[in-house]
């Protein structure tokens, strides 16, 4: 097995983890108004997108290096 197949980006995984943890904390707060609830849903969607993109890039790179 080549060494390139073992390459991964811990900073990318750490960033995904930090976003997910922040998302979890924010998700525990109850919205006070309908507008707050809508904004929280939008923010959650943005967090999910960021985590997805980071993890997708990591998985794609791992697949490419196999």
C-alpha atoms as a PDB file:
ATOM      1  CA  UNK A   1       0.000   0.000   0.000  1.00  0.00           C
ATOM      2  CA  UNK A   2       1.402   3.375  -0.911  1.00  0.00           C
ATOM      3  CA  UNK A   3       1.886   6.070   1.666  1.00  0.00           C
ATOM      4  CA  UNK A   4      -0.422   8.404  -0.297  1.00  0.00           C
ATOM      5  CA  UNK A   5      -3.353   6.132   0.535  1.00  0.00           C
ATOM      6  CA  UNK A   6      -2.814   6.898   4.228  1.00  0.00           C
ATOM      7  CA  UNK A   7      -2.888  10.680   3.815  1.00  0.00           C
ATOM      8  CA  UNK A   8      -5.738  12.506   5.452  1.00  0.00           C
ATOM      9  CA  UNK A   9      -6.341  16.031   6.665  1.00  0.00           C
ATOM     10  CA  UNK A  10      -6.868  16.145  10.416  1.00  0.00           C
ATOM     11  CA  UNK A  11      -7.522  19.892  10.251  1.00  0.00           C
ATOM     12  CA  UNK A  12     -10.477  19.291   7.931  1.00  0.00           C
ATOM     13  CA  UNK A  13     -11.881  16.656  10.284  1.00  0.00           C
ATOM     14  CA  UNK A  14     -11.262  18.894  13.306  1.00  0.00           C
ATOM     15  CA  UNK A  15     -13.116  21.762  11.616  1.00  0.00           C
ATOM     16  CA  UNK A  16     -16.076  19.490  10.836  1.00  0.00           C
ATOM     17  CA  UNK A  17     -16.114  18.335  14.461  1.00  0.00           C
ATOM     18  CA  UNK A  18     -16.000  21.910  15.775  1.00  0.00           C
ATOM     19  CA  UNK A  19     -18.841  22.998  13.499  1.00  0.00           C
ATOM     20  CA  UNK A  20     -20.932  20.023  14.603  1.00  0.00           C
ATOM     21  CA  UNK A  21     -20.270  20.787  18.278  1.00  0.00           C
ATOM     22  CA  UNK A  22     -21.221  24.435  17.802  1.00  0.00           C
ATOM     23  CA  UNK A  23     -24.334  23.383  15.929  1.00  0.00           C
ATOM     24  CA  UNK A  24     -25.267  21.094  18.810  1.00  0.00           C
ATOM     25  CA  UNK A  25     -24.889  23.923  21.350  1.00  0.00           C
ATOM     26  CA  UNK A  26     -26.912  26.379  19.262  1.00  0.00           C
ATOM     27  CA  UNK A  27     -29.594  23.746  18.716  1.00  0.00           C
ATOM     28  CA  UNK A  28     -30.202  23.506  22.469  1.00  0.00           C
ATOM     29  CA  UNK A  29     -31.425  27.100  22.651  1.00  0.00           C
ATOM     30  CA  UNK A  30     -35.147  27.611  22.236  1.00  0.00           C
ATOM     31  CA  UNK A  31     -36.189  30.287  19.757  1.00  0.00           C
ATOM     32  CA  UNK A  32     -38.167  33.139  21.289  1.00  0.00           C
ATOM     33  CA  UNK A  33     -40.020  34.116  18.118  1.00  0.00           C
ATOM     34  CA  UNK A  34     -40.995  32.600  14.816  1.00  0.00           C
ATOM     35  CA  UNK A  35     -38.305  34.699  13.152  1.00  0.00           C
ATOM     36  CA  UNK A  36     -35.720  33.272  15.566  1.00  0.00           C
ATOM     37  CA  UNK A  37     -36.887  29.754  14.716  1.00  0.00           C
ATOM     38  CA  UNK A  38     -36.617  30.429  10.990  1.00  0.00           C
ATOM     39  CA  UNK A  39     -33.113  31.854  11.422  1.00  0.00           C
ATOM     40  CA  UNK A  40     -32.056  28.863  13.526  1.00  0.00           C
ATOM     41  CA  UNK A  41     -33.271  26.519  10.781  1.00  0.00           C
ATOM     42  CA  UNK A  42     -31.329  28.475   8.174  1.00  0.00           C
ATOM     43  CA  UNK A  43     -28.222  28.431  10.351  1.00  0.00           C
ATOM     44  CA  UNK A  44     -28.614  24.695  10.951  1.00  0.00           C
ATOM     45  CA  UNK A  45     -28.824  24.149   7.223  1.00  0.00           C
ATOM     46  CA  UNK A  46     -25.651  26.172   6.703  1.00  0.00           C
ATOM     47  CA  UNK A  47     -23.825  24.214   9.430  1.00  0.00           C
ATOM     48  CA  UNK A  48     -24.953  20.911   7.927  1.00  0.00           C
ATOM     49  CA  UNK A  49     -23.742  22.020   4.511  1.00  0.00           C
ATOM     50  CA  UNK A  50     -20.313  22.963   5.884  1.00  0.00           C
ATOM     51  CA  UNK A  51     -19.908  19.638   7.688  1.00  0.00           C
ATOM     52  CA  UNK A  52     -21.095  17.717   4.622  1.00  0.00           C
ATOM     53  CA  UNK A  53     -18.651  19.526   2.327  1.00  0.00           C
ATOM     54  CA  UNK A  54     -15.701  18.932   4.647  1.00  0.00           C
ATOM     55  CA  UNK A  55     -16.488  15.250   5.139  1.00  0.00           C
ATOM     56  CA  UNK A  56     -17.314  14.712   1.471  1.00  0.00           C
ATOM     57  CA  UNK A  57     -13.970  16.220   0.452  1.00  0.00           C
ATOM     58  CA  UNK A  58     -12.143  13.995   2.925  1.00  0.00           C
ATOM     59  CA  UNK A  59     -13.945  10.840   1.779  1.00  0.00           C
ATOM     60  CA  UNK A  60     -13.464  11.711  -1.902  1.00  0.00           C
ATOM     61  CA  UNK A  61      -9.751  12.218  -1.366  1.00  0.00           C
ATOM     62  CA  UNK A  62      -9.475   8.920   0.499  1.00  0.00           C
ATOM     63  CA  UNK A  63     -11.266   7.129  -2.342  1.00  0.00           C
ATOM     64  CA  UNK A  64      -9.022   8.787  -4.911  1.00  0.00           C
ATOM     65  CA  UNK A  65      -5.901   7.635  -3.069  1.00  0.00           C
ATOM     66  CA  UNK A  66      -6.907   3.973  -2.917  1.00  0.00           C
END
